[in-house]
C-alpha atoms as a PDB file:
ATOM      1  CA  UNK A   1     -21.328   9.014   8.172  1.00  0.00           C
ATOM      2  CA  UNK A   2     -22.314   5.555   9.367  1.00  0.00           C
ATOM      3  CA  UNK A   3     -19.694   3.999  11.658  1.00  0.00           C
ATOM      4  CA  UNK A   4     -19.308   0.266  11.436  1.00  0.00           C
ATOM      5  CA  UNK A   5     -19.863  -1.207  14.853  1.00  0.00           C
ATOM      6  CA  UNK A   6     -16.574  -2.448  16.299  1.00  0.00           C
ATOM      7  CA  UNK A   7     -15.983  -4.603  19.361  1.00  0.00           C
ATOM      8  CA  UNK A   8     -12.938  -4.080  21.506  1.00  0.00           C
ATOM      9  CA  UNK A   9      -9.736  -5.352  19.946  1.00  0.00           C
ATOM     10  CA  UNK A  10      -8.905  -6.935  23.279  1.00  0.00           C
ATOM     11  CA  UNK A  11     -10.866  -9.445  25.389  1.00  0.00           C
ATOM     12  CA  UNK A  12     -11.878  -8.017  28.720  1.00  0.00           C
ATOM     13  CA  UNK A  13     -10.090  -9.044  31.965  1.00  0.00           C
ATOM     14  CA  UNK A  14     -10.535  -7.854  35.504  1.00  0.00           C
ATOM     15  CA  UNK A  15      -8.157 -10.272  37.234  1.00  0.00           C
ATOM     16  CA  UNK A  16      -5.349  -8.580  39.198  1.00  0.00           C
ATOM     17  CA  UNK A  17      -3.095 -11.610  38.747  1.00  0.00           C
ATOM     18  CA  UNK A  18      -0.724 -10.968  35.781  1.00  0.00           C
ATOM     19  CA  UNK A  19      -0.318 -14.602  34.769  1.00  0.00           C
ATOM     20  CA  UNK A  20      -4.067 -15.217  34.787  1.00  0.00           C
ATOM     21  CA  UNK A  21      -4.576 -11.942  32.906  1.00  0.00           C
ATOM     22  CA  UNK A  22      -2.223 -13.081  30.142  1.00  0.00           C
ATOM     23  CA  UNK A  23      -3.934 -16.473  29.970  1.00  0.00           C
ATOM     24  CA  UNK A  24      -7.386 -14.962  29.642  1.00  0.00           C
ATOM     25  CA  UNK A  25      -6.248 -12.486  27.014  1.00  0.00           C
ATOM     26  CA  UNK A  26      -4.670 -15.199  24.916  1.00  0.00           C
ATOM     27  CA  UNK A  27      -7.633 -17.538  25.145  1.00  0.00           C
ATOM     28  CA  UNK A  28     -10.720 -15.375  25.077  1.00  0.00           C
ATOM     29  CA  UNK A  29     -12.623 -14.248  21.981  1.00  0.00           C
ATOM     30  CA  UNK A  30     -15.518 -12.067  20.974  1.00  0.00           C
ATOM     31  CA  UNK A  31     -17.871 -12.387  18.031  1.00  0.00           C
ATOM     32  CA  UNK A  32     -19.827  -9.453  16.557  1.00  0.00           C
ATOM     33  CA  UNK A  33     -20.953  -7.666  13.416  1.00  0.00           C
ATOM     34  CA  UNK A  34     -17.372  -6.552  13.024  1.00  0.00           C
ATOM     35  CA  UNK A  35     -15.811  -9.735  14.266  1.00  0.00           C
ATOM     36  CA  UNK A  36     -12.921 -10.508  16.565  1.00  0.00           C
ATOM     37  CA  UNK A  37     -12.405 -14.193  15.885  1.00  0.00           C
ATOM     38  CA  UNK A  38      -9.401 -14.795  18.123  1.00  0.00           C
ATOM     39  CA  UNK A  39      -6.558 -13.201  20.020  1.00  0.00           C
ATOM     40  CA  UNK A  40      -2.937 -14.224  20.541  1.00  0.00           C
ATOM     41  CA  UNK A  41      -0.700 -12.215  22.881  1.00  0.00           C
ATOM     42  CA  UNK A  42       3.086 -12.434  23.184  1.00  0.00           C
ATOM     43  CA  UNK A  43       5.724 -10.331  24.897  1.00  0.00           C
ATOM     44  CA  UNK A  44       9.112  -8.608  24.394  1.00  0.00           C
ATOM     45  CA  UNK A  45       8.074  -6.577  22.506  1.00  0.00           C
ATOM     46  CA  UNK A  46       4.420  -6.921  23.415  1.00  0.00           C
ATOM     47  CA  UNK A  47       2.371  -8.057  20.432  1.00  0.00           C
ATOM     48  CA  UNK A  48      -1.231  -9.035  19.875  1.00  0.00           C
ATOM     49  CA  UNK A  49      -2.917 -10.643  16.870  1.00  0.00           C
ATOM     50  CA  UNK A  50      -6.653 -10.586  16.297  1.00  0.00           C
ATOM     51  CA  UNK A  51      -8.799 -11.736  13.393  1.00  0.00           C
ATOM     52  CA  UNK A  52     -11.153  -8.963  12.343  1.00  0.00           C
ATOM     53  CA  UNK A  53     -13.806  -8.256   9.734  1.00  0.00           C
ATOM     54  CA  UNK A  54     -15.174  -4.913   8.554  1.00  0.00           C
ATOM     55  CA  UNK A  55     -18.625  -4.594   6.987  1.00  0.00           C
ATOM     56  CA  UNK A  56     -18.534  -2.619   3.707  1.00  0.00           C
ATOM     57  CA  UNK A  57     -22.325  -2.184   3.437  1.00  0.00           C
ATOM     58  CA  UNK A  58     -23.043   1.080   1.627  1.00  0.00           C
ATOM     59  CA  UNK A  59     -19.506   1.323   0.225  1.00  0.00           C
ATOM     60  CA  UNK A  60     -17.986   0.592  -3.159  1.00  0.00           C
ATOM     61  CA  UNK A  61     -14.511   1.955  -2.333  1.00  0.00           C
ATOM     62  CA  UNK A  62     -11.883   1.011   0.255  1.00  0.00           C
ATOM     63  CA  UNK A  63      -9.142   3.024   1.955  1.00  0.00           C
ATOM     64  CA  UNK A  64      -6.678   1.371   4.354  1.00  0.00           C
ATOM     65  CA  UNK A  65      -4.353   3.443   6.522  1.00  0.00           C
ATOM     66  CA  UNK A  66      -1.912   2.925   9.350  1.00  0.00           C
ATOM     67  CA  UNK A  67       0.537   5.308  10.969  1.00  0.00           C
ATOM     68  CA  UNK A  68       3.179   2.714  11.785  1.00  0.00           C
ATOM     69  CA  UNK A  69       3.134  -0.825  10.431  1.00  0.00           C
ATOM     70  CA  UNK A  70       2.782  -2.773   7.206  1.00  0.00           C
ATOM     71  CA  UNK A  71      -0.309  -3.132   5.030  1.00  0.00           C
ATOM     72  CA  UNK A  72      -0.930  -6.215   2.883  1.00  0.00           C
ATOM     73  CA  UNK A  73      -3.979  -6.534   0.624  1.00  0.00           C
ATOM     74  CA  UNK A  74      -5.125  -9.584  -1.325  1.00  0.00           C
ATOM     75  CA  UNK A  75      -8.383 -10.673  -2.991  1.00  0.00           C
ATOM     76  CA  UNK A  76     -11.010 -12.301  -0.806  1.00  0.00           C
ATOM     77  CA  UNK A  77     -14.064 -14.487  -1.414  1.00  0.00           C
ATOM     78  CA  UNK A  78     -16.308 -13.097   1.299  1.00  0.00           C
ATOM     79  CA  UNK A  79     -18.517 -10.024   1.468  1.00  0.00           C
ATOM     80  CA  UNK A  80     -16.519  -8.323   4.231  1.00  0.00           C
ATOM     81  CA  UNK A  81     -12.999  -6.956   4.410  1.00  0.00           C
ATOM     82  CA  UNK A  82     -11.324  -9.424   6.751  1.00  0.00           C
ATOM     83  CA  UNK A  83      -7.949 -10.528   8.017  1.00  0.00           C
ATOM     84  CA  UNK A  84      -5.339 -10.141  10.716  1.00  0.00           C
ATOM     85  CA  UNK A  85      -4.669  -7.050  12.801  1.00  0.00           C
ATOM     86  CA  UNK A  86      -1.299  -7.157  14.552  1.00  0.00           C
ATOM     87  CA  UNK A  87      -0.434  -4.605  17.235  1.00  0.00           C
ATOM     88  CA  UNK A  88       3.051  -4.215  18.684  1.00  0.00           C
ATOM     89  CA  UNK A  89       4.475  -2.032  21.430  1.00  0.00           C
ATOM     90  CA  UNK A  90       7.693  -1.846  23.406  1.00  0.00           C
ATOM     91  CA  UNK A  91       5.980   0.342  26.011  1.00  0.00           C
ATOM     92  CA  UNK A  92       4.273  -2.483  27.858  1.00  0.00           C
ATOM     93  CA  UNK A  93       1.235  -4.709  27.566  1.00  0.00           C
ATOM     94  CA  UNK A  94      -1.258  -2.044  28.592  1.00  0.00           C
ATOM     95  CA  UNK A  95      -0.208   0.172  25.675  1.00  0.00           C
ATOM     96  CA  UNK A  96      -1.846  -2.301  23.289  1.00  0.00           C
ATOM     97  CA  UNK A  97      -5.219  -1.322  24.745  1.00  0.00           C
ATOM     98  CA  UNK A  98      -4.657   2.308  23.776  1.00  0.00           C
ATOM     99  CA  UNK A  99      -5.173   1.698  20.040  1.00  0.00           C
ATOM    100  CA  UNK A 100      -8.216   0.180  18.355  1.00  0.00           C
ATOM    101  CA  UNK A 101      -8.824  -0.474  14.656  1.00  0.00           C
ATOM    102  CA  UNK A 102     -12.100   0.749  13.202  1.00  0.00           C
ATOM    103  CA  UNK A 103     -13.954   0.566   9.922  1.00  0.00           C
ATOM    104  CA  UNK A 104     -16.177   3.502   8.978  1.00  0.00           C
ATOM    105  CA  UNK A 105     -18.326   4.048   5.903  1.00  0.00           C
ATOM    106  CA  UNK A 106     -18.695   7.605   4.657  1.00  0.00           C
ATOM    107  CA  UNK A 107     -19.757   8.833   1.209  1.00  0.00           C
ATOM    108  CA  UNK A 108     -19.531   5.366  -0.279  1.00  0.00           C
ATOM    109  CA  UNK A 109     -16.051   4.636   1.087  1.00  0.00           C
ATOM    110  CA  UNK A 110     -15.052   2.179   3.808  1.00  0.00           C
ATOM    111  CA  UNK A 111     -11.973   3.402   5.668  1.00  0.00           C
ATOM    112  CA  UNK A 112     -10.091   0.926   7.862  1.00  0.00           C
ATOM    113  CA  UNK A 113      -7.580   2.596  10.173  1.00  0.00           C
ATOM    114  CA  UNK A 114      -6.228   2.574  13.733  1.00  0.00           C
ATOM    115  CA  UNK A 115      -7.760   4.958  16.243  1.00  0.00           C
ATOM    116  CA  UNK A 116      -5.533   5.836  19.212  1.00  0.00           C
ATOM    117  CA  UNK A 117      -7.366   6.259  22.504  1.00  0.00           C
ATOM    118  CA  UNK A 118      -4.159   7.800  23.857  1.00  0.00           C
ATOM    119  CA  UNK A 119      -2.428  10.089  21.315  1.00  0.00           C
ATOM    120  CA  UNK A 120       0.921   9.348  22.988  1.00  0.00           C
ATOM    121  CA  UNK A 121       0.579   5.571  22.680  1.00  0.00           C
ATOM    122  CA  UNK A 122       3.630   3.970  21.047  1.00  0.00           C
ATOM    123  CA  UNK A 123       1.898   1.175  19.141  1.00  0.00           C
ATOM    124  CA  UNK A 124       2.402  -0.026  15.583  1.00  0.00           C
ATOM    125  CA  UNK A 125      -0.499  -1.623  13.727  1.00  0.00           C
ATOM    126  CA  UNK A 126       0.027  -4.045  10.836  1.00  0.00           C
ATOM    127  CA  UNK A 127      -2.961  -4.942   8.650  1.00  0.00           C
ATOM    128  CA  UNK A 128      -3.166  -8.080   6.486  1.00  0.00           C
ATOM    129  CA  UNK A 129      -6.559  -7.930   4.803  1.00  0.00           C
ATOM    130  CA  UNK A 130      -8.591  -9.740   2.150  1.00  0.00           C
ATOM    131  CA  UNK A 131     -10.703  -7.493  -0.067  1.00  0.00           C
ATOM    132  CA  UNK A 132     -13.998  -8.465  -1.764  1.00  0.00           C
ATOM    133  CA  UNK A 133     -13.716  -8.261  -5.545  1.00  0.00           C
ATOM    134  CA  UNK A 134     -16.513  -5.692  -5.869  1.00  0.00           C
ATOM    135  CA  UNK A 135     -14.703  -3.217  -3.591  1.00  0.00           C
ATOM    136  CA  UNK A 136     -12.322  -0.804  -5.365  1.00  0.00           C
ATOM    137  CA  UNK A 137      -9.118  -0.026  -3.466  1.00  0.00           C
ATOM    138  CA  UNK A 138      -8.584   3.738  -3.826  1.00  0.00           C
ATOM    139  CA  UNK A 139      -6.029   4.443  -1.085  1.00  0.00           C
ATOM    140  CA  UNK A 140      -3.502   2.420   0.915  1.00  0.00           C
ATOM    141  CA  UNK A 141      -0.956   4.167   3.123  1.00  0.00           C
ATOM    142  CA  UNK A 142       1.524   3.813   5.962  1.00  0.00           C
ATOM    143  CA  UNK A 143       3.793   6.401   7.514  1.00  0.00           C
ATOM    144  CA  UNK A 144       6.348   3.793   8.570  1.00  0.00           C
ATOM    145  CA  UNK A 145       5.940   0.416   6.929  1.00  0.00           C
ATOM    146  CA  UNK A 146       5.775  -1.556   3.711  1.00  0.00           C
ATOM    147  CA  UNK A 147       2.768  -1.669   1.406  1.00  0.00           C
ATOM    148  CA  UNK A 148       1.905  -4.797  -0.589  1.00  0.00           C
ATOM    149  CA  UNK A 149      -1.129  -5.372  -2.795  1.00  0.00           C
ATOM    150  CA  UNK A 150      -1.766  -8.258  -5.151  1.00  0.00           C
ATOM    151  CA  UNK A 151      -4.785  -9.080  -7.283  1.00  0.00           C
ATOM    152  CA  UNK A 152      -7.100  -6.347  -6.033  1.00  0.00           C
ATOM    153  CA  UNK A 153      -9.079  -3.917  -8.196  1.00  0.00           C
ATOM    154  CA  UNK A 154      -9.526  -0.169  -8.455  1.00  0.00           C
ATOM    155  CA  UNK A 155      -7.753   3.015  -9.482  1.00  0.00           C
ATOM    156  CA  UNK A 156      -5.738   3.818  -6.384  1.00  0.00           C
ATOM    157  CA  UNK A 157      -2.741   5.364  -4.654  1.00  0.00           C
ATOM    158  CA  UNK A 158      -0.345   3.207  -2.629  1.00  0.00           C
ATOM    159  CA  UNK A 159       2.056   5.201  -0.470  1.00  0.00           C
ATOM    160  CA  UNK A 160       4.545   4.951   2.376  1.00  0.00           C
ATOM    161  CA  UNK A 161       6.756   7.590   3.936  1.00  0.00           C
ATOM    162  CA  UNK A 162       9.344   5.058   5.095  1.00  0.00           C
ATOM    163  CA  UNK A 163       8.913   1.704   3.425  1.00  0.00           C
ATOM    164  CA  UNK A 164       8.723  -0.214   0.172  1.00  0.00           C
ATOM    165  CA  UNK A 165       5.616  -0.282  -2.010  1.00  0.00           C
ATOM    166  CA  UNK A 166       4.962  -3.419  -4.077  1.00  0.00           C
ATOM    167  CA  UNK A 167       1.814  -3.606  -6.203  1.00  0.00           C
ATOM    168  CA  UNK A 168       1.143  -6.590  -8.477  1.00  0.00           C
ATOM    169  CA  UNK A 169      -1.754  -7.658 -10.674  1.00  0.00           C
ATOM    170  CA  UNK A 170      -3.994  -4.713  -9.830  1.00  0.00           C
ATOM    171  CA  UNK A 171      -6.959  -4.237 -12.156  1.00  0.00           C
ATOM    172  CA  UNK A 172      -6.780  -0.460 -12.316  1.00  0.00           C
ATOM    173  CA  UNK A 173      -4.559   2.573 -12.765  1.00  0.00           C
ATOM    174  CA  UNK A 174      -2.138   2.938  -9.863  1.00  0.00           C
ATOM    175  CA  UNK A 175       0.079   5.562  -8.271  1.00  0.00           C
ATOM    176  CA  UNK A 176       2.950   4.315  -6.085  1.00  0.00           C
ATOM    177  CA  UNK A 177       4.837   6.646  -3.747  1.00  0.00           C
ATOM    178  CA  UNK A 178       7.472   6.559  -1.018  1.00  0.00           C
ATOM    179  CA  UNK A 179      10.031   8.861   0.540  1.00  0.00           C
ATOM    180  CA  UNK A 180      12.470   6.195   1.671  1.00  0.00           C
ATOM    181  CA  UNK A 181      11.744   2.952  -0.121  1.00  0.00           C
ATOM    182  CA  UNK A 182      11.674   1.010  -3.377  1.00  0.00           C
ATOM    183  CA  UNK A 183       8.645   1.087  -5.662  1.00  0.00           C
ATOM    184  CA  UNK A 184       7.345  -1.795  -7.776  1.00  0.00           C
ATOM    185  CA  UNK A 185       4.221  -1.886  -9.940  1.00  0.00           C
ATOM    186  CA  UNK A 186       3.962  -5.028 -12.053  1.00  0.00           C
ATOM    187  CA  UNK A 187       1.196  -6.393 -14.265  1.00  0.00           C
ATOM    188  CA  UNK A 188      -1.138  -3.480 -13.520  1.00  0.00           C
ATOM    189  CA  UNK A 189      -3.790  -2.186 -15.924  1.00  0.00           C
ATOM    190  CA  UNK A 190      -2.216   1.256 -16.085  1.00  0.00           C
ATOM    191  CA  UNK A 191       0.144   3.667 -14.362  1.00  0.00           C
ATOM    192  CA  UNK A 192      -0.564   7.203 -13.141  1.00  0.00           C
ATOM    193  CA  UNK A 193       2.861   7.793 -11.566  1.00  0.00           C
ATOM    194  CA  UNK A 194       5.690   6.520  -9.358  1.00  0.00           C
ATOM    195  CA  UNK A 195       7.932   8.662  -7.182  1.00  0.00           C
ATOM    196  CA  UNK A 196      10.410   8.053  -4.362  1.00  0.00           C
ATOM    197  CA  UNK A 197      13.258  10.067  -2.896  1.00  0.00           C
ATOM    198  CA  UNK A 198      15.560   7.243  -1.820  1.00  0.00           C
ATOM    199  CA  UNK A 199      14.936   3.985  -3.636  1.00  0.00           C
ATOM    200  CA  UNK A 200      14.581   2.226  -6.966  1.00  0.00           C
ATOM    201  CA  UNK A 201      11.519   2.441  -9.202  1.00  0.00           C
ATOM    202  CA  UNK A 202      10.495  -0.590 -11.285  1.00  0.00           C
ATOM    203  CA  UNK A 203       7.167  -0.350 -13.107  1.00  0.00           C
ATOM    204  CA  UNK A 204       5.140  -1.802 -15.956  1.00  0.00           C
ATOM    205  CA  UNK A 205       3.449   0.796 -18.135  1.00  0.00           C
ATOM    206  CA  UNK A 206       0.676  -0.990 -19.993  1.00  0.00           C
ATOM    207  CA  UNK A 207      -1.490   2.095 -20.446  1.00  0.00           C
ATOM    208  CA  UNK A 208      -1.606   5.800 -19.626  1.00  0.00           C
ATOM    209  CA  UNK A 209      -4.711   7.915 -19.127  1.00  0.00           C
ATOM    210  CA  UNK A 210      -2.755  11.101 -18.396  1.00  0.00           C
ATOM    211  CA  UNK A 211       0.831  12.356 -18.296  1.00  0.00           C
ATOM    212  CA  UNK A 212       2.934  10.282 -15.886  1.00  0.00           C
ATOM    213  CA  UNK A 213       6.308  10.672 -14.172  1.00  0.00           C
ATOM    214  CA  UNK A 214       8.486   7.910 -12.713  1.00  0.00           C
ATOM    215  CA  UNK A 215      11.138   9.523 -10.531  1.00  0.00           C
ATOM    216  CA  UNK A 216      13.801   8.808  -7.933  1.00  0.00           C
ATOM    217  CA  UNK A 217      16.315  11.217  -6.483  1.00  0.00           C
ATOM    218  CA  UNK A 218      18.656   8.470  -5.319  1.00  0.00           C
ATOM    219  CA  UNK A 219      17.955   5.274  -7.213  1.00  0.00           C
ATOM    220  CA  UNK A 220      17.455   3.613 -10.576  1.00  0.00           C
ATOM    221  CA  UNK A 221      14.263   3.987 -12.604  1.00  0.00           C
ATOM    222  CA  UNK A 222      13.145   1.175 -14.928  1.00  0.00           C
ATOM    223  CA  UNK A 223       9.914   1.209 -16.948  1.00  0.00           C
ATOM    224  CA  UNK A 224       8.725  -1.680 -19.131  1.00  0.00           C
ATOM    225  CA  UNK A 225       6.269  -0.383 -21.726  1.00  0.00           C
ATOM    226  CA  UNK A 226       3.630  -2.106 -23.845  1.00  0.00           C
ATOM    227  CA  UNK A 227       4.025  -2.136 -27.631  1.00  0.00           C
ATOM    228  CA  UNK A 228       0.666  -0.410 -28.112  1.00  0.00           C
ATOM    229  CA  UNK A 229       1.401   2.418 -25.659  1.00  0.00           C
ATOM    230  CA  UNK A 230       0.932   5.952 -26.989  1.00  0.00           C
ATOM    231  CA  UNK A 231       3.464   8.216 -25.284  1.00  0.00           C
ATOM    232  CA  UNK A 232       6.024  10.949 -25.759  1.00  0.00           C
ATOM    233  CA  UNK A 233       8.912   9.637 -23.666  1.00  0.00           C
ATOM    234  CA  UNK A 234      11.731  11.460 -21.885  1.00  0.00           C
ATOM    235  CA  UNK A 235      14.540   9.684 -20.026  1.00  0.00           C
ATOM    236  CA  UNK A 236      16.810  11.947 -17.997  1.00  0.00           C
ATOM    237  CA  UNK A 237      19.399  11.495 -15.246  1.00  0.00           C
ATOM    238  CA  UNK A 238      22.003  13.777 -13.705  1.00  0.00           C
ATOM    239  CA  UNK A 239      24.432  11.108 -12.510  1.00  0.00           C
ATOM    240  CA  UNK A 240      23.781   7.901 -14.412  1.00  0.00           C
ATOM    241  CA  UNK A 241      22.990   6.427 -17.817  1.00  0.00           C
ATOM    242  CA  UNK A 242      19.836   6.826 -19.911  1.00  0.00           C
ATOM    243  CA  UNK A 243      19.221   3.595 -21.841  1.00  0.00           C
ATOM    244  CA  UNK A 244      16.579   2.150 -24.183  1.00  0.00           C
ATOM    245  CA  UNK A 245      16.461  -1.664 -24.294  1.00  0.00           C
ATOM    246  CA  UNK A 246      14.173  -3.157 -26.947  1.00  0.00           C
ATOM    247  CA  UNK A 247      11.266  -0.747 -26.559  1.00  0.00           C
ATOM    248  CA  UNK A 248       9.589   0.409 -29.782  1.00  0.00           C
ATOM    249  CA  UNK A 249      10.733   3.999 -29.312  1.00  0.00           C
ATOM    250  CA  UNK A 250      11.225   6.365 -32.222  1.00  0.00           C
ATOM    251  CA  UNK A 251      14.244   8.278 -30.911  1.00  0.00           C
ATOM    252  CA  UNK A 252      14.285  12.013 -31.560  1.00  0.00           C
ATOM    253  CA  UNK A 253      17.377  12.894 -29.513  1.00  0.00           C
ATOM    254  CA  UNK A 254      19.865  10.769 -27.624  1.00  0.00           C
ATOM    255  CA  UNK A 255      22.770  11.301 -25.242  1.00  0.00           C
ATOM    256  CA  UNK A 256      24.433   9.639 -22.261  1.00  0.00           C
ATOM    257  CA  UNK A 257      22.126  11.284 -19.737  1.00  0.00           C
ATOM    258  CA  UNK A 258      19.018  12.086 -21.792  1.00  0.00           C
ATOM    259  CA  UNK A 259      16.882  10.375 -24.437  1.00  0.00           C
ATOM    260  CA  UNK A 260      13.700  11.661 -26.054  1.00  0.00           C
ATOM    261  CA  UNK A 261      11.362   9.815 -28.378  1.00  0.00           C
ATOM    262  CA  UNK A 262       7.852   8.672 -29.190  1.00  0.00           C
ATOM    263  CA  UNK A 263       5.923   5.430 -28.866  1.00  0.00           C
ATOM    264  CA  UNK A 264       2.877   5.252 -31.123  1.00  0.00           C
ATOM    265  CA  UNK A 265       1.068   8.568 -31.512  1.00  0.00           C
ATOM    266  CA  UNK A 266       2.672  10.094 -28.409  1.00  0.00           C
ATOM    267  CA  UNK A 267      -0.670  10.898 -26.791  1.00  0.00           C
ATOM    268  CA  UNK A 268       0.579  11.315 -23.208  1.00  0.00           C
ATOM    269  CA  UNK A 269       3.939  12.329 -21.732  1.00  0.00           C
ATOM    270  CA  UNK A 270       5.920   9.629 -19.905  1.00  0.00           C
ATOM    271  CA  UNK A 271       8.975  10.870 -18.010  1.00  0.00           C
ATOM    272  CA  UNK A 272      11.638   8.686 -16.381  1.00  0.00           C
ATOM    273  CA  UNK A 273      13.890  10.788 -14.169  1.00  0.00           C
ATOM    274  CA  UNK A 274      16.654  10.262 -11.610  1.00  0.00           C
ATOM    275  CA  UNK A 275      19.227  12.503  -9.988  1.00  0.00           C
ATOM    276  CA  UNK A 276      21.614   9.775  -8.855  1.00  0.00           C
ATOM    277  CA  UNK A 277      20.824   6.603 -10.764  1.00  0.00           C
ATOM    278  CA  UNK A 278      20.260   5.014 -14.154  1.00  0.00           C
ATOM    279  CA  UNK A 279      17.033   5.396 -16.134  1.00  0.00           C
ATOM    280  CA  UNK A 280      16.002   2.560 -18.446  1.00  0.00           C
ATOM    281  CA  UNK A 281      13.119   2.043 -20.878  1.00  0.00           C
ATOM    282  CA  UNK A 282      12.349  -1.587 -21.722  1.00  0.00           C
ATOM    283  CA  UNK A 283       9.812  -3.574 -23.696  1.00  0.00           C
ATOM    284  CA  UNK A 284       7.301  -5.624 -21.730  1.00  0.00           C
END
């Protein structure tokens, strides 16, 4: 494992005067191999923004994680993963110092994630990052926050425990997951699966490389499929309607709550399922 050198997320300050301390923190900056380009501090709740970069040397994959906060990924022109790190705490200004954000390369993968210096620190970390085109995004996750990715590449999983997941224009096969949140996967190369407990699922299915399930316990499920897809399709809901709208599906059985049929040769299984919600198959 080769850790990427990381400067402190916060400019240093030894002044006992609070007003001077805030001034220095807002105005100071550090520059390093993993850069901190600037820092802006505000209060109530206490927040801090810093511009950071993470060196992906030795890596061809990227994982981005945060325990609490949003993650936004977009394509970048540079060689490093770079963008804004935003920390927020209602526990006071000093709590912001108790969490740093690090980038580490191990086994060909750069992982960018917060590292709490105090395990009891109540700090959320939001990451808004640009990703070099040669770096494949394989994992993006938040325990409490939204996930957004647009225009990046790689076969990857995008997941949140409590938040929406919105993935657009990804050059790769994607999995989108949440417990409490809506799922969207649009204009992606392929779909491996989509599942949430409480929320709607809206996905494009341009290609399958394996069997895939799109499921919600409490929400609607809508899948728009390509004409050249090869899939054996099942739509099923307990409390809702199962509907086919324009898709080139050869229907084998049909009812109010369940539809079965085939697109093309039916190479892989595609299941659309909901307990409390409608399930709909559409043409792209």
